PDB file of N, CA and C in Angstrom:
ATOM      1  N   MET A   1     -13.556  -5.119 -13.894  1.00  0.00           N
ATOM      2  CA  MET A   1     -12.584  -4.470 -12.822  1.00  0.00           C
ATOM      3  C   MET A   1     -11.448  -4.803 -12.920  1.00  0.00           C
ATOM      4  N   ASP A   2     -10.422  -4.254 -12.971  1.00  0.00           N
ATOM      5  CA  ASP A   2      -8.950  -4.845 -13.260  1.00  0.00           C
ATOM      6  C   ASP A   2      -8.076  -5.374 -12.145  1.00  0.00           C
ATOM      7  N   GLU A   3      -7.091  -6.073 -12.057  1.00  0.00           N
ATOM      8  CA  GLU A   3      -6.780  -7.094 -11.213  1.00  0.00           C
ATOM      9  C   GLU A   3      -6.294  -6.073  -9.726  1.00  0.00           C
ATOM     10  N   GLU A   4      -5.850  -4.708  -9.804  1.00  0.00           N
ATOM     11  CA  GLU A   4      -5.637  -4.137  -8.961  1.00  0.00           C
ATOM     12  C   GLU A   4      -6.228  -3.435  -7.970  1.00  0.00           C
ATOM     13  N   GLY A   5      -7.714  -3.501  -8.669  1.00  0.00           N
ATOM     14  CA  GLY A   5      -8.983  -2.836  -8.117  1.00  0.00           C
ATOM     15  C   GLY A   5      -9.692  -3.809  -7.154  1.00  0.00           C
ATOM     16  N   PHE A   6      -9.390  -5.163  -7.882  1.00  0.00           N
ATOM     17  CA  PHE A   6      -9.895  -6.134  -7.168  1.00  0.00           C
ATOM     18  C   PHE A   6      -9.079  -6.655  -6.106  1.00  0.00           C
ATOM     19  N   ALA A   7      -7.891  -6.344  -5.844  1.00  0.00           N
ATOM     20  CA  ALA A   7      -7.178  -6.959  -4.987  1.00  0.00           C
ATOM     21  C   ALA A   7      -7.144  -5.837  -3.733  1.00  0.00           C
ATOM     22  N   LYS A   8      -7.579  -4.789  -4.141  1.00  0.00           N
ATOM     23  CA  LYS A   8      -7.790  -3.445  -3.059  1.00  0.00           C
ATOM     24  C   LYS A   8      -9.165  -3.562  -2.209  1.00  0.00           C
ATOM     25  N   GLY A   9     -10.316  -3.932  -3.287  1.00  0.00           N
ATOM     26  CA  GLY A   9     -11.392  -4.329  -3.051  1.00  0.00           C
ATOM     27  C   GLY A   9     -11.540  -5.366  -1.745  1.00  0.00           C
ATOM     28  N   THR A  10     -10.694  -6.525  -2.010  1.00  0.00           N
ATOM     29  CA  THR A  10     -10.615  -7.576  -1.306  1.00  0.00           C
ATOM     30  C   THR A  10      -9.893  -7.363  -0.140  1.00  0.00           C
ATOM     31  N   LYS A  11      -8.874  -6.731  -0.206  1.00  0.00           N
ATOM     32  CA  LYS A  11      -8.088  -6.329   1.167  1.00  0.00           C
ATOM     33  C   LYS A  11      -8.931  -5.486   2.089  1.00  0.00           C
ATOM     34  N   GLN A  12      -9.921  -4.345   1.446  1.00  0.00           N
ATOM     35  CA  GLN A  12     -10.570  -3.521   2.491  1.00  0.00           C
ATOM     36  C   GLN A  12     -11.783  -4.278   2.836  1.00  0.00           C
ATOM     37  N   ASP A  13     -12.229  -5.386   1.983  1.00  0.00           N
ATOM     38  CA  ASP A  13     -13.503  -6.096   2.705  1.00  0.00           C
ATOM     39  C   ASP A  13     -12.568  -7.022   4.152  1.00  0.00           C
ATOM     40  N   GLN A  14     -11.578  -7.447   3.643  1.00  0.00           N
ATOM     41  CA  GLN A  14     -11.173  -8.256   4.513  1.00  0.00           C
ATOM     42  C   GLN A  14     -10.664  -7.371   6.045  1.00  0.00           C
ATOM     43  N   GLN A  15     -10.279  -6.068   5.890  1.00  0.00           N
ATOM     44  CA  GLN A  15      -9.673  -5.196   6.802  1.00  0.00           C
ATOM     45  C   GLN A  15     -11.459  -4.689   7.527  1.00  0.00           C
ATOM     46  N   ALA A  16     -12.094  -4.662   6.851  1.00  0.00           N
ATOM     47  CA  ALA A  16     -13.603  -4.213   7.298  1.00  0.00           C
ATOM     48  C   ALA A  16     -14.187  -5.293   8.315  1.00  0.00           C
ATOM     49  N   ARG A  17     -13.787  -6.702   7.928  1.00  0.00           N
ATOM     50  CA  ARG A  17     -14.403  -7.794   8.661  1.00  0.00           C
ATOM     51  C   ARG A  17     -13.809  -7.919   9.830  1.00  0.00           C
ATOM     52  N   ARG A  18     -12.313  -7.961   9.784  1.00  0.00           N
ATOM     53  CA  ARG A  18     -11.537  -7.855  11.307  1.00  0.00           C
ATOM     54  C   ARG A  18     -11.929  -6.551  11.921  1.00  0.00           C
ATOM     55  N   GLU A  19     -12.191  -5.452  11.544  1.00  0.00           N
ATOM     56  CA  GLU A  19     -12.664  -4.320  12.236  1.00  0.00           C
ATOM     57  C   GLU A  19     -13.815  -4.708  13.002  1.00  0.00           C
ATOM     58  N   ALA A  20     -14.909  -5.449  12.074  1.00  0.00           N
ATOM     59  CA  ALA A  20     -16.206  -5.720  12.549  1.00  0.00           C
ATOM     60  C   ALA A  20     -16.146  -6.868  13.754  1.00  0.00           C
ATOM     61  N   CYS A  21     -15.524  -7.509  13.617  1.00  0.00           N
ATOM     62  CA  CYS A  21     -15.219  -8.708  14.551  1.00  0.00           C
ATOM     63  C   CYS A  21     -14.822  -7.966  15.944  1.00  0.00           C
ATOM     64  N   GLY A  22     -13.985  -7.136  15.629  1.00  0.00           N
ATOM     65  CA  GLY A  22     -13.277  -6.393  16.883  1.00  0.00           C
ATOM     66  C   GLY A  22     -14.167  -5.391  17.596  1.00  0.00           C
ATOM     67  N   ILE A  23     -14.768  -4.628  16.753  1.00  0.00           N
ATOM     68  CA  ILE A  23     -16.098  -4.283  17.404  1.00  0.00           C
ATOM     69  C   ILE A  23     -17.035  -4.879  18.051  1.00  0.00           C
ATOM     70  N   LEU A  24     -17.301  -6.179  17.745  1.00  0.00           N
ATOM     71  CA  LEU A  24     -18.553  -6.920  18.074  1.00  0.00           C
ATOM     72  C   LEU A  24     -17.576  -7.936  19.448  1.00  0.00           C
ATOM     73  N   GLU A  25     -16.297  -8.068  19.581  1.00  0.00           N
ATOM     74  CA  GLU A  25     -15.529  -8.790  20.314  1.00  0.00           C
ATOM     75  C   GLU A  25     -16.019  -9.998  20.082  1.00  0.00           C
ATOM     76  N   VAL A  26     -15.700 -10.545  18.914  1.00  0.00           N
ATOM     77  CA  VAL A  26     -16.195 -12.057  18.204  1.00  0.00           C
ATOM     78  C   VAL A  26     -14.750 -12.608  16.999  1.00  0.00           C
ATOM     79  N   GLY A  27     -14.677 -13.650  17.471  1.00  0.00           N
ATOM     80  CA  GLY A  27     -13.626 -14.188  16.283  1.00  0.00           C
ATOM     81  C   GLY A  27     -14.034 -14.243  14.845  1.00  0.00           C
ATOM     82  N   GLU A  28     -13.180 -14.227  14.268  1.00  0.00           N
ATOM     83  CA  GLU A  28     -13.673 -14.183  12.539  1.00  0.00           C
ATOM     84  C   GLU A  28     -14.343 -15.439  12.179  1.00  0.00           C
ATOM     85  N   ASP A  29     -14.499 -16.482  13.399  1.00  0.00           N
ATOM     86  CA  ASP A  29     -15.197 -17.845  12.566  1.00  0.00           C
ATOM     87  C   ASP A  29     -16.812 -17.938  13.302  1.00  0.00           C
ATOM     88  N   ALA A  30     -17.034 -16.814  14.243  1.00  0.00           N
ATOM     89  CA  ALA A  30     -18.417 -16.656  14.826  1.00  0.00           C
ATOM     90  C   ALA A  30     -19.643 -17.054  13.941  1.00  0.00           C
ATOM     91  N   ASP A  31     -20.383 -17.856  14.334  1.00  0.00           N
ATOM     92  CA  ASP A  31     -21.557 -18.162  13.866  1.00  0.00           C
ATOM     93  C   ASP A  31     -22.588 -17.245  14.291  1.00  0.00           C
ATOM     94  N   LYS A  32     -23.663 -17.382  13.443  1.00  0.00           N
ATOM     95  CA  LYS A  32     -24.954 -16.278  13.227  1.00  0.00           C
ATOM     96  C   LYS A  32     -25.325 -16.139  14.915  1.00  0.00           C
ATOM     97  N   GLN A  33     -25.473 -17.127  15.674  1.00  0.00           N
ATOM     98  CA  GLN A  33     -26.416 -17.115  16.863  1.00  0.00           C
ATOM     99  C   GLN A  33     -24.956 -16.368  17.791  1.00  0.00           C
ATOM    100  N   ALA A  34     -23.605 -16.727  17.212  1.00  0.00           N
ATOM    101  CA  ALA A  34     -22.538 -15.955  18.562  1.00  0.00           C
ATOM    102  C   ALA A  34     -22.429 -14.604  17.918  1.00  0.00           C
ATOM    103  N   LEU A  35     -22.832 -14.337  16.782  1.00  0.00           N
ATOM    104  CA  LEU A  35     -23.055 -12.829  16.355  1.00  0.00           C
ATOM    105  C   LEU A  35     -23.895 -11.895  16.898  1.00  0.00           C
ATOM    106  N   LYS A  36     -25.371 -12.848  17.139  1.00  0.00           N
ATOM    107  CA  LYS A  36     -26.399 -12.314  17.662  1.00  0.00           C
ATOM    108  C   LYS A  36     -26.241 -11.472  19.093  1.00  0.00           C
ATOM    109  N   LYS A  37     -25.665 -12.988  19.720  1.00  0.00           N
ATOM    110  CA  LYS A  37     -25.746 -12.604  21.150  1.00  0.00           C
ATOM    111  C   LYS A  37     -24.633 -11.380  21.428  1.00  0.00           C
ATOM    112  N   ALA A  38     -23.184 -11.192  20.823  1.00  0.00           N
ATOM    113  CA  ALA A  38     -22.317 -10.244  20.553  1.00  0.00           C
ATOM    114  C   ALA A  38     -22.963  -8.901  20.462  1.00  0.00           C
ATOM    115  N   TYR A  39     -23.772  -8.916  19.141  1.00  0.00           N
ATOM    116  CA  TYR A  39     -24.301  -7.634  18.839  1.00  0.00           C
ATOM    117  C   TYR A  39     -25.080  -7.231  20.253  1.00  0.00           C
ATOM    118  N   THR A  40     -26.019  -7.906  20.681  1.00  0.00           N
ATOM    119  CA  THR A  40     -26.906  -7.518  21.864  1.00  0.00           C
ATOM    120  C   THR A  40     -26.396  -6.869  22.912  1.00  0.00           C
ATOM    121  N   ARG A  41     -24.968  -7.700  23.342  1.00  0.00           N
ATOM    122  CA  ARG A  41     -24.229  -7.480  24.431  1.00  0.00           C
ATOM    123  C   ARG A  41     -23.593  -5.782  24.232  1.00  0.00           C
ATOM    124  N   ALA A  42     -22.579  -5.924  22.590  1.00  0.00           N
ATOM    125  CA  ALA A  42     -22.450  -4.757  22.384  1.00  0.00           C
ATOM    126  C   ALA A  42     -23.391  -3.373  22.374  1.00  0.00           C
ATOM    127  N   CYS A  43     -24.629  -3.503  21.999  1.00  0.00           N
ATOM    128  CA  CYS A  43     -25.506  -2.799  21.932  1.00  0.00           C
ATOM    129  C   CYS A  43     -26.046  -2.214  23.192  1.00  0.00           C
ATOM    130  N   LEU A  44     -25.988  -3.052  24.194  1.00  0.00           N
ATOM    131  CA  LEU A  44     -26.312  -2.752  25.456  1.00  0.00           C
ATOM    132  C   LEU A  44     -24.997  -1.879  26.170  1.00  0.00           C
ATOM    133  N   LYS A  45     -24.077  -2.177  26.197  1.00  0.00           N
ATOM    134  CA  LYS A  45     -22.578  -1.537  26.516  1.00  0.00           C
ATOM    135  C   LYS A  45     -22.758  -0.297  26.259  1.00  0.00           C
ATOM    136  N   HIS A  46     -22.921   0.268  24.566  1.00  0.00           N
ATOM    137  CA  HIS A  46     -22.510   1.091  24.160  1.00  0.00           C
ATOM    138  C   HIS A  46     -24.016   1.950  23.719  1.00  0.00           C
ATOM    139  N   HIS A  47     -24.952   1.831  24.432  1.00  0.00           N
ATOM    140  CA  HIS A  47     -26.336   2.432  24.275  1.00  0.00           C
ATOM    141  C   HIS A  47     -26.068   4.076  24.637  1.00  0.00           C
ATOM    142  N   PRO A  48     -26.228   5.020  23.434  1.00  0.00           N
ATOM    143  CA  PRO A  48     -26.395   6.444  24.399  1.00  0.00           C
ATOM    144  C   PRO A  48     -27.485   6.967  25.704  1.00  0.00           C
ATOM    145  N   ASP A  49     -28.556   5.704  25.788  1.00  0.00           N
ATOM    146  CA  ASP A  49     -29.219   5.944  27.251  1.00  0.00           C
ATOM    147  C   ASP A  49     -28.965   5.357  28.389  1.00  0.00           C
ATOM    148  N   ARG A  50     -27.696   4.293  28.063  1.00  0.00           N
ATOM    149  CA  ARG A  50     -26.927   3.723  29.378  1.00  0.00           C
ATOM    150  C   ARG A  50     -25.569   4.473  29.540  1.00  0.00           C
ATOM    151  N   ASN A  51     -25.181   5.285  28.488  1.00  0.00           N
ATOM    152  CA  ASN A  51     -23.963   6.321  28.726  1.00  0.00           C
ATOM    153  C   ASN A  51     -24.358   7.728  28.608  1.00  0.00           C
ATOM    154  N   PRO A  52     -25.375   8.436  29.402  1.00  0.00           N
ATOM    155  CA  PRO A  52     -25.631   9.731  29.115  1.00  0.00           C
ATOM    156  C   PRO A  52     -24.559  10.624  29.186  1.00  0.00           C
ATOM    157  N   ASN A  53     -23.382  10.536  29.970  1.00  0.00           N
ATOM    158  CA  ASN A  53     -22.094  11.217  29.861  1.00  0.00           C
ATOM    159  C   ASN A  53     -21.546  11.428  29.145  1.00  0.00           C
ATOM    160  N   ASP A  54     -21.387  10.045  28.139  1.00  0.00           N
ATOM    161  CA  ASP A  54     -20.374   9.940  27.003  1.00  0.00           C
ATOM    162  C   ASP A  54     -20.842  10.283  25.840  1.00  0.00           C
ATOM    163  N   LYS A  55     -20.521  11.379  25.200  1.00  0.00           N
ATOM    164  CA  LYS A  55     -20.540  12.129  24.021  1.00  0.00           C
ATOM    165  C   LYS A  55     -20.364  10.802  22.903  1.00  0.00           C
ATOM    166  N   GLU A  56     -19.309  10.145  23.052  1.00  0.00           N
ATOM    167  CA  GLU A  56     -19.002   9.015  21.736  1.00  0.00           C
ATOM    168  C   GLU A  56     -20.088   7.870  21.994  1.00  0.00           C
ATOM    169  N   SER A  57     -20.720   7.781  22.777  1.00  0.00           N
ATOM    170  CA  SER A  57     -21.633   6.390  23.020  1.00  0.00           C
ATOM    171  C   SER A  57     -22.309   6.486  21.872  1.00  0.00           C
ATOM    172  N   HIS A  58     -22.797   7.340  21.204  1.00  0.00           N
ATOM    173  CA  HIS A  58     -23.797   7.175  20.320  1.00  0.00           C
ATOM    174  C   HIS A  58     -23.277   6.931  18.583  1.00  0.00           C
ATOM    175  N   TYR A  59     -21.862   7.395  18.719  1.00  0.00           N
ATOM    176  CA  TYR A  59     -21.283   6.928  17.580  1.00  0.00           C
ATOM    177  C   TYR A  59     -20.556   5.229  17.558  1.00  0.00           C
ATOM    178  N   ARG A  60     -20.161   5.030  19.083  1.00  0.00           N
ATOM    179  CA  ARG A  60     -20.005   3.443  19.016  1.00  0.00           C
ATOM    180  C   ARG A  60     -21.255   2.592  18.608  1.00  0.00           C
ATOM    181  N   PHE A  61     -22.370   3.066  19.094  1.00  0.00           N
ATOM    182  CA  PHE A  61     -23.663   2.257  19.125  1.00  0.00           C
ATOM    183  C   PHE A  61     -23.719   2.295  17.734  1.00  0.00           C
ATOM    184  N   LEU A  62     -23.521   3.317  16.643  1.00  0.00           N
ATOM    185  CA  LEU A  62     -23.855   3.153  15.560  1.00  0.00           C
ATOM    186  C   LEU A  62     -22.759   2.184  14.629  1.00  0.00           C
ATOM    187  N   LEU A  63     -21.245   2.252  14.932  1.00  0.00           N
ATOM    188  CA  LEU A  63     -20.428   1.322  15.033  1.00  0.00           C
ATOM    189  C   LEU A  63     -21.014   0.142  14.811  1.00  0.00           C
ATOM    190  N   VAL A  64     -21.684  -0.393  16.046  1.00  0.00           N
ATOM    191  CA  VAL A  64     -21.890  -1.520  16.360  1.00  0.00           C
ATOM    192  C   VAL A  64     -22.899  -1.949  15.494  1.00  0.00           C
ATOM    193  N   GLN A  65     -23.885  -1.207  15.151  1.00  0.00           N
ATOM    194  CA  GLN A  65     -24.585  -1.812  14.187  1.00  0.00           C
ATOM    195  C   GLN A  65     -24.248  -1.657  12.771  1.00  0.00           C
ATOM    196  N   CYS A  66     -23.306  -1.247  12.299  1.00  0.00           N
ATOM    197  CA  CYS A  66     -22.632  -1.400  11.081  1.00  0.00           C
ATOM    198  C   CYS A  66     -21.763  -2.418  11.126  1.00  0.00           C
ATOM    199  N   ALA A  67     -21.082  -2.815  11.889  1.00  0.00           N
ATOM    200  CA  ALA A  67     -20.413  -4.192  12.367  1.00  0.00           C
ATOM    201  C   ALA A  67     -21.563  -5.141  12.196  1.00  0.00           C
ATOM    202  N   TYR A  68     -22.272  -5.328  12.863  1.00  0.00           N
ATOM    203  CA  TYR A  68     -23.521  -6.156  12.577  1.00  0.00           C
ATOM    204  C   TYR A  68     -24.056  -6.806  11.141  1.00  0.00           C
ATOM    205  N   GLU A  69     -24.004  -5.649  10.663  1.00  0.00           N
ATOM    206  CA  GLU A  69     -24.807  -5.455   9.230  1.00  0.00           C
ATOM    207  C   GLU A  69     -23.463  -6.232   8.273  1.00  0.00           C
ATOM    208  N   LEU A  70     -22.286  -5.818   8.414  1.00  0.00           N
ATOM    209  CA  LEU A  70     -21.249  -6.233   7.500  1.00  0.00           C
ATOM    210  C   LEU A  70     -21.758  -8.018   7.639  1.00  0.00           C
ATOM    211  N   LEU A  71     -21.235  -8.280   9.392  1.00  0.00           N
ATOM    212  CA  LEU A  71     -21.054  -9.765   9.492  1.00  0.00           C
ATOM    213  C   LEU A  71     -22.169 -10.645   9.177  1.00  0.00           C
ATOM    214  N   THR A  72     -23.469 -10.405   9.084  1.00  0.00           N
ATOM    215  CA  THR A  72     -24.642 -10.746   8.823  1.00  0.00           C
ATOM    216  C   THR A  72     -25.006 -10.707   7.429  1.00  0.00           C
ATOM    217  N   ARG A  73     -24.938  -9.455   6.664  1.00  0.00           N
ATOM    218  CA  ARG A  73     -25.391  -9.158   5.461  1.00  0.00           C
ATOM    219  C   ARG A  73     -24.958  -9.101   4.360  1.00  0.00           C
ATOM    220  N   ASN A  74     -23.336  -8.913   4.794  1.00  0.00           N
ATOM    221  CA  ASN A  74     -22.193  -8.280   3.756  1.00  0.00           C
ATOM    222  C   ASN A  74     -22.686  -6.971   3.577  1.00  0.00           C
ATOM    223  N   THR A  75     -22.981  -6.085   4.276  1.00  0.00           N
ATOM    224  CA  THR A  75     -23.401  -4.653   3.594  1.00  0.00           C
ATOM    225  C   THR A  75     -22.438  -3.641   4.270  1.00  0.00           C
ATOM    226  N   ILE A  76     -21.578  -3.150   3.653  1.00  0.00           N
ATOM    227  CA  ILE A  76     -20.425  -2.057   4.332  1.00  0.00           C
ATOM    228  C   ILE A  76     -21.011  -1.064   4.582  1.00  0.00           C
ATOM    229  N   CYS A  77     -21.065  -0.211   5.622  1.00  0.00           N
ATOM    230  CA  CYS A  77     -21.544   1.093   5.884  1.00  0.00           C
ATOM    231  C   CYS A  77     -20.287   2.100   5.794  1.00  0.00           C
ATOM    232  N   ARG A  78     -20.610   3.321   5.302  1.00  0.00           N
ATOM    233  CA  ARG A  78     -19.591   4.288   5.140  1.00  0.00           C
ATOM    234  C   ARG A  78     -19.035   4.622   6.541  1.00  0.00           C
ATOM    235  N   MET A  79     -19.431   4.619   7.841  1.00  0.00           N
ATOM    236  CA  MET A  79     -19.069   5.048   8.990  1.00  0.00           C
ATOM    237  C   MET A  79     -17.836   3.914   9.446  1.00  0.00           C
ATOM    238  N   LEU A  80     -17.914   2.828   8.955  1.00  0.00           N
ATOM    239  CA  LEU A  80     -17.019   1.522   9.197  1.00  0.00           C
ATOM    240  C   LEU A  80     -15.832   2.115   8.432  1.00  0.00           C
ATOM    241  N   LEU A  81     -16.134   2.301   6.985  1.00  0.00           N
ATOM    242  CA  LEU A  81     -14.842   2.561   5.944  1.00  0.00           C
ATOM    243  C   LEU A  81     -14.105   3.795   6.576  1.00  0.00           C
ATOM    244  N   GLU A  82     -14.933   4.926   7.115  1.00  0.00           N
ATOM    245  CA  GLU A  82     -14.218   6.197   7.690  1.00  0.00           C
ATOM    246  C   GLU A  82     -13.549   6.174   8.669  1.00  0.00           C
ATOM    247  N   LYS A  83     -14.149   5.088   9.666  1.00  0.00           N
ATOM    248  CA  LYS A  83     -13.326   4.593  10.813  1.00  0.00           C
ATOM    249  C   LYS A  83     -11.990   3.825  10.408  1.00  0.00           C
ATOM    250  N   MET A  84     -12.071   3.187   9.528  1.00  0.00           N
ATOM    251  CA  MET A  84     -10.790   2.180   9.137  1.00  0.00           C
ATOM    252  C   MET A  84      -9.835   2.994   8.245  1.00  0.00           C
ATOM    253  N   GLU A  85     -10.389   4.289   7.933  1.00  0.00           N
ATOM    254  CA  GLU A  85      -9.439   5.288   6.749  1.00  0.00           C
ATOM    255  C   GLU A  85      -8.748   5.903   7.852  1.00  0.00           C
ATOM    256  N   SER A  86      -9.544   6.384   9.010  1.00  0.00           N
ATOM    257  CA  SER A  86      -8.927   7.555  10.198  1.00  0.00           C
ATOM    258  C   SER A  86      -7.945   6.644  11.106  1.00  0.00           C
ATOM    259  N   GLN A  87      -7.590   5.692  10.825  1.00  0.00           N
ATOM    260  CA  GLN A  87      -6.859   4.430  11.365  1.00  0.00           C
ATOM    261  C   GLN A  87      -5.561   4.401  10.783  1.00  0.00           C
ATOM    262  N   SER A  88      -4.331   4.587  11.737  1.00  0.00           N
ATOM    263  CA  SER A  88      -3.031   4.528  11.147  1.00  0.00           C
ATOM    264  C   SER A  88      -2.746   3.067  11.493  1.00  0.00           C
ATOM    265  N   PRO A  89      -2.349   1.936  10.682  1.00  0.00           N
ATOM    266  CA  PRO A  89      -1.970   0.951  10.910  1.00  0.00           C
ATOM    267  C   PRO A  89      -0.699   0.822  12.097  1.00  0.00           C
ATOM    268  N   ALA A  90      -0.033   1.874  11.698  1.00  0.00           N
ATOM    269  CA  ALA A  90       1.440   1.919  12.401  1.00  0.00           C
ATOM    270  C   ALA A  90       1.824   3.247  12.379  1.00  0.00           C
ATOM    271  N   PRO A  91       2.760   3.807  13.199  1.00  0.00           N
ATOM    272  CA  PRO A  91       3.197   5.236  13.333  1.00  0.00           C
ATOM    273  C   PRO A  91       3.969   5.416  12.302  1.00  0.00           C
ATOM    274  N   SER A  92       3.860   7.010  11.804  1.00  0.00           N
ATOM    275  CA  SER A  92       4.477   7.384  10.842  1.00  0.00           C
ATOM    276  C   SER A  92       6.257   7.033  10.654  1.00  0.00           C
ATOM    277  N   LYS A  93       6.802   6.817  11.631  1.00  0.00           N
ATOM    278  CA  LYS A  93       7.884   6.837  11.510  1.00  0.00           C
ATOM    279  C   LYS A  93       8.703   5.319  12.267  1.00  0.00           C
ATOM    280  N   ALA A  94       7.640   4.663  11.704  1.00  0.00           N
ATOM    281  CA  ALA A  94       7.975   3.074  11.729  1.00  0.00           C
ATOM    282  C   ALA A  94       8.953   2.690  11.216  1.00  0.00           C
ATOM    283  N   LYS A  95       9.892   1.724  11.818  1.00  0.00           N
ATOM    284  CA  LYS A  95      10.930   1.071  11.454  1.00  0.00           C
ATOM    285  C   LYS A  95      10.671  -0.070   9.888  1.00  0.00           C
ATOM    286  N   TYR A  96       9.372  -0.068   9.855  1.00  0.00           N
ATOM    287  CA  TYR A  96       8.990  -1.401   8.935  1.00  0.00           C
ATOM    288  C   TYR A  96       7.844  -0.877   7.858  1.00  0.00           C
ATOM    289  N   ASN A  97       8.168  -0.991   6.370  1.00  0.00           N
ATOM    290  CA  ASN A  97       7.406  -0.740   5.591  1.00  0.00           C
ATOM    291  C   ASN A  97       6.345  -1.272   5.414  1.00  0.00           C
ATOM    292  N   THR A  98       5.129  -0.678   6.171  1.00  0.00           N
ATOM    293  CA  THR A  98       3.868  -1.367   6.656  1.00  0.00           C
ATOM    294  C   THR A  98       3.111  -1.026   4.919  1.00  0.00           C
ATOM    295  N   GLY A  99       3.786  -0.709   4.054  1.00  0.00           N
ATOM    296  CA  GLY A  99       3.101  -0.579   2.331  1.00  0.00           C
ATOM    297  C   GLY A  99       2.944  -1.693   2.047  1.00  0.00           C
ATOM    298  N   ASN A 100       3.582  -3.025   2.362  1.00  0.00           N
ATOM    299  CA  ASN A 100       3.747  -4.417   1.774  1.00  0.00           C
ATOM    300  C   ASN A 100       3.357  -5.240   2.946  1.00  0.00           C
ATOM    301  N   PRO A 101       2.710  -6.398   2.640  1.00  0.00           N
ATOM    302  CA  PRO A 101       2.448  -7.414   3.551  1.00  0.00           C
ATOM    303  C   PRO A 101       3.385  -7.843   4.391  1.00  0.00           C
ATOM    304  N   TRP A 102       4.459  -8.027   3.791  1.00  0.00           N
ATOM    305  CA  TRP A 102       6.015  -8.707   4.970  1.00  0.00           C
ATOM    306  C   TRP A 102       6.198  -7.649   5.894  1.00  0.00           C
ATOM    307  N   GLY A 103       6.298  -6.288   5.502  1.00  0.00           N
ATOM    308  CA  GLY A 103       6.479  -5.095   6.623  1.00  0.00           C
ATOM    309  C   GLY A 103       5.371  -5.125   7.437  1.00  0.00           C
ATOM    310  N   TYR A 104       4.160  -5.333   7.017  1.00  0.00           N
ATOM    311  CA  TYR A 104       2.891  -4.975   7.847  1.00  0.00           C
ATOM    312  C   TYR A 104       3.400  -6.234   8.788  1.00  0.00           C
ATOM    313  N   PHE A 105       3.405  -7.168   8.508  1.00  0.00           N
ATOM    314  CA  PHE A 105       3.284  -8.601   9.410  1.00  0.00           C
ATOM    315  C   PHE A 105       4.759  -8.199  10.307  1.00  0.00           C
ATOM    316  N   LEU A 106       5.799  -7.888   9.975  1.00  0.00           N
ATOM    317  CA  LEU A 106       6.706  -7.883  11.060  1.00  0.00           C
ATOM    318  C   LEU A 106       6.487  -6.486  11.962  1.00  0.00           C
ATOM    319  N   TRP A 107       5.877  -5.467  11.506  1.00  0.00           N
ATOM    320  CA  TRP A 107       5.197  -4.605  12.621  1.00  0.00           C
ATOM    321  C   TRP A 107       4.425  -4.859  13.517  1.00  0.00           C
ATOM    322  N   TRP A 108       3.307  -5.894  12.963  1.00  0.00           N
ATOM    323  CA  TRP A 108       2.233  -6.424  13.873  1.00  0.00           C
ATOM    324  C   TRP A 108       3.233  -7.710  14.649  1.00  0.00           C
ATOM    325  N   ARG A 109       3.996  -8.254  14.378  1.00  0.00           N
ATOM    326  CA  ARG A 109       4.676  -9.444  15.251  1.00  0.00           C
ATOM    327  C   ARG A 109       5.329  -8.668  16.416  1.00  0.00           C
ATOM    328  N   GLU A 110       6.003  -7.398  16.053  1.00  0.00           N
ATOM    329  CA  GLU A 110       6.860  -6.920  17.156  1.00  0.00           C
ATOM    330  C   GLU A 110       5.465  -6.207  18.019  1.00  0.00           C
ATOM    331  N   GLN A 111       4.744  -5.693  17.513  1.00  0.00           N
ATOM    332  CA  GLN A 111       3.612  -5.152  18.564  1.00  0.00           C
ATOM    333  C   GLN A 111       3.077  -6.168  19.235  1.00  0.00           C
ATOM    334  N   PHE A 112       2.648  -7.213  18.996  1.00  0.00           N
ATOM    335  CA  PHE A 112       1.755  -8.163  19.877  1.00  0.00           C
ATOM    336  C   PHE A 112       2.560  -9.371  20.324  1.00  0.00           C
ATOM    337  N   PHE A 113       3.901  -9.616  19.723  1.00  0.00           N
ATOM    338  CA  PHE A 113       4.476 -11.008  20.235  1.00  0.00           C
ATOM    339  C   PHE A 113       5.731 -10.666  20.908  1.00  0.00           C
ATOM    340  N   ASP A 114       6.545  -9.741  20.061  1.00  0.00           N
ATOM    341  CA  ASP A 114       8.159  -9.479  20.964  1.00  0.00           C
ATOM    342  C   ASP A 114       8.077  -8.993  22.350  1.00  0.00           C
ATOM    343  N   GLU A 115       7.092  -8.542  22.906  1.00  0.00           N
ATOM    344  CA  GLU A 115       6.702  -7.885  24.320  1.00  0.00           C
ATOM    345  C   GLU A 115       7.458  -9.115  25.509  1.00  0.00           C
ATOM    346  N   PHE A 116       6.826 -10.175  24.615  1.00  0.00           N
ATOM    347  CA  PHE A 116       7.169 -11.460  26.009  1.00  0.00           C
ATOM    348  C   PHE A 116       8.217 -11.878  26.016  1.00  0.00           C
TER     349      PHE A 116
END
C-alpha cells in the first residue's frame, strides 16, 4: 500500500470511529462496559418495534449495530461508510477550504466555539 492510500485509510478509520461514538453517544475513550451499556440503550431507543410510526428507525437500529461492531471488533460495515460519504462536513459555499486539515479545523472551530 502506498503512503497516500495508507493516509486515506487511516483518516477514514478515524472518521468512522468518531461517527460510531456519536451514534452510541459515548466518548472516544469508552471502555467495553460503557460501550455495551450505550449499545443496549441505543438499541432500545431505536428499535423498530418501539418506534412503529418511524420509518427510519430500522435504519438507525442497523447503524447502532454497525457502530458497536466497529468499536468492539474493528469491523467497519458498509452502511456506516455510506452514511459518512453522504454527509458533507461543511456547506459547499464555506469560506474555509475543508479539503485540508487546517481549513477543516477553522470551520469546525467556528461551528462549535465562535458562537459563545
